[in-house]
Amino acid sequence: MARDAPSIDAYGDGGFRLSGQRHEGSVLIVADQAQPWAVGSLAELTVDALKPVFDAGRAEVEFLLLGVGARNAQPPRPVRDALAAAGIGLEFMDTPAAARIYNVLTSEGRRLACALIAV
């Protein structure tokens, strides 16, 4: 399956470079569209912050790749429970690792959403 997902070219300094374009702050990629994401830390992550992921549903999102910040930590239980109830998988890791694996997964045509907390 060919995808038109943006590539993550770089991360750090409080943002990302996606397909050659700088994005300040955290970023959410759903349905191959990147958008600013108002989550600056794992403590700020709520179910509502992932509304675009839930709105896309299983047809578009097989799982959420979540970059949780500079160090790996478990997302809040309400977020984990809501994703499970929606049938959307969750893979979480530190943001640098998530940024690196995102390009590999999209090149394989995986249907994923990607939420990256800026570092």
Protein backbone atom coordinates (compact mmCIF):
# COMPACT_ATOMS: atom_id res chain seq x y z
CA MET A 1 0.00 0.00 0.00
CA ALA A 2 1.51 3.34 -1.00
CA ARG A 3 1.28 6.02 1.62
CA ASP A 4 1.73 9.76 1.37
CA ALA A 5 2.87 10.15 4.96
CA PRO A 6 5.26 12.94 5.86
CA SER A 7 8.79 11.83 6.71
CA ILE A 8 10.40 12.78 9.99
CA ASP A 9 13.73 14.25 8.91
CA ALA A 10 14.86 15.58 12.30
CA TYR A 11 13.73 16.14 15.89
CA GLY A 12 14.95 18.23 18.81
CA ASP A 13 15.19 21.86 19.88
CA GLY A 14 11.50 21.75 20.78
CA GLY A 15 10.16 20.58 17.43
CA PHE A 16 10.46 18.46 14.31
CA ARG A 17 11.36 18.72 10.64
CA LEU A 18 8.71 16.88 8.62
CA SER A 19 9.31 16.41 4.90
CA GLY A 20 11.77 19.31 4.98
CA GLN A 21 9.51 21.72 6.89
CA ARG A 22 10.09 22.80 10.52
CA HIS A 23 7.23 22.29 13.00
CA GLU A 24 7.58 23.89 16.43
CA GLY A 25 6.30 21.94 19.42
CA SER A 26 4.66 18.56 19.59
CA VAL A 27 3.06 17.04 16.50
CA LEU A 28 0.21 14.64 15.75
CA ILE A 29 0.09 12.74 12.44
CA VAL A 30 -3.25 11.15 11.54
CA ALA A 31 -4.34 9.99 8.07
CA ASP A 32 -0.90 11.06 6.79
CA GLN A 33 -1.59 14.68 7.83
CA ALA A 34 0.62 16.42 10.39
CA GLN A 35 -0.88 18.95 12.76
CA PRO A 36 0.33 20.87 15.82
CA TRP A 37 -0.43 19.00 19.03
CA ALA A 38 -0.97 20.90 22.28
CA VAL A 39 0.64 18.26 24.52
CA GLY A 40 3.95 19.39 25.96
CA SER A 41 4.54 16.54 28.42
CA LEU A 42 3.23 13.10 29.26
CA ALA A 43 1.42 14.61 32.26
CA GLU A 44 -0.68 16.67 29.79
CA LEU A 45 -1.75 13.64 27.73
CA THR A 46 -5.50 13.06 27.93
CA VAL A 47 -8.03 11.03 25.98
CA ASP A 48 -9.39 14.30 24.55
CA ALA A 49 -5.92 15.23 23.25
CA LEU A 50 -6.13 12.14 21.02
CA LYS A 51 -9.58 12.95 19.62
CA PRO A 52 -8.33 13.03 15.98
CA VAL A 53 -7.01 9.48 16.44
CA PHE A 54 -10.33 8.23 17.80
CA ASP A 55 -12.23 10.11 15.08
CA ALA A 56 -10.15 8.37 12.39
CA GLY A 57 -11.00 5.00 13.93
CA ARG A 58 -9.78 1.51 13.10
CA ALA A 59 -10.28 1.97 9.36
CA GLU A 60 -7.42 4.47 9.28
CA VAL A 61 -5.48 3.69 12.47
CA GLU A 62 -4.18 0.23 13.28
CA PHE A 63 -2.20 1.58 16.22
CA LEU A 64 -0.88 4.76 17.79
CA LEU A 65 2.88 5.28 17.89
CA LEU A 66 3.40 7.56 20.87
CA GLY A 67 6.63 9.41 21.57
CA VAL A 68 6.34 10.23 25.28
CA GLY A 69 9.23 12.69 25.59
CA ALA A 70 12.92 12.42 26.41
CA ARG A 71 12.52 9.28 28.54
CA ASN A 72 10.23 6.30 28.09
CA ALA A 73 7.33 6.17 30.54
CA GLN A 74 3.91 4.57 30.56
CA PRO A 75 1.04 6.74 29.28
CA PRO A 76 -1.82 7.48 31.70
CA ARG A 77 -4.22 4.59 32.30
CA PRO A 78 -7.30 6.44 30.94
CA VAL A 79 -5.48 6.88 27.60
CA ARG A 80 -4.42 3.23 27.49
CA ASP A 81 -7.94 2.07 28.40
CA ALA A 82 -9.64 4.31 25.81
CA LEU A 83 -7.35 3.11 23.00
CA ALA A 84 -7.96 -0.52 23.97
CA ALA A 85 -11.74 0.05 24.07
CA ALA A 86 -11.56 1.59 20.57
CA GLY A 87 -9.57 -1.39 19.27
CA ILE A 88 -6.54 0.81 18.52
CA GLY A 89 -3.17 -0.60 19.49
CA LEU A 90 -0.58 1.42 21.39
CA GLU A 91 3.19 1.44 21.01
CA PHE A 92 4.96 3.95 23.23
CA MET A 93 8.60 4.83 23.58
CA ASP A 94 10.79 7.88 24.04
CA THR A 95 10.30 10.48 21.32
CA PRO A 96 13.73 9.99 19.66
CA ALA A 97 13.03 6.26 19.20
CA ALA A 98 9.47 6.90 17.98
CA ALA A 99 10.69 9.48 15.46
CA ARG A 100 13.20 7.00 14.07
CA ILE A 101 10.80 4.05 13.79
CA TYR A 102 7.95 6.11 12.32
CA ASN A 103 9.60 6.36 8.90
CA VAL A 104 10.22 2.60 8.81
CA LEU A 105 6.62 1.79 9.71
CA THR A 106 5.12 4.19 7.16
CA SER A 107 7.44 2.88 4.44
CA GLU A 108 5.90 -0.55 5.15
CA GLY A 109 2.44 0.92 4.55
CA ARG A 110 1.31 0.51 8.15
CA ARG A 111 -1.89 2.32 9.12
CA LEU A 112 -0.75 4.26 12.13
CA ALA A 113 -1.22 7.53 13.89
CA CYS A 114 1.84 9.14 15.43
CA ALA A 115 1.80 11.47 18.42
CA LEU A 116 5.18 12.96 19.32
CA ILE A 117 5.88 15.07 22.38
CA ALA A 118 8.63 17.53 21.42
CA VAL A 119 12.05 17.23 23.05
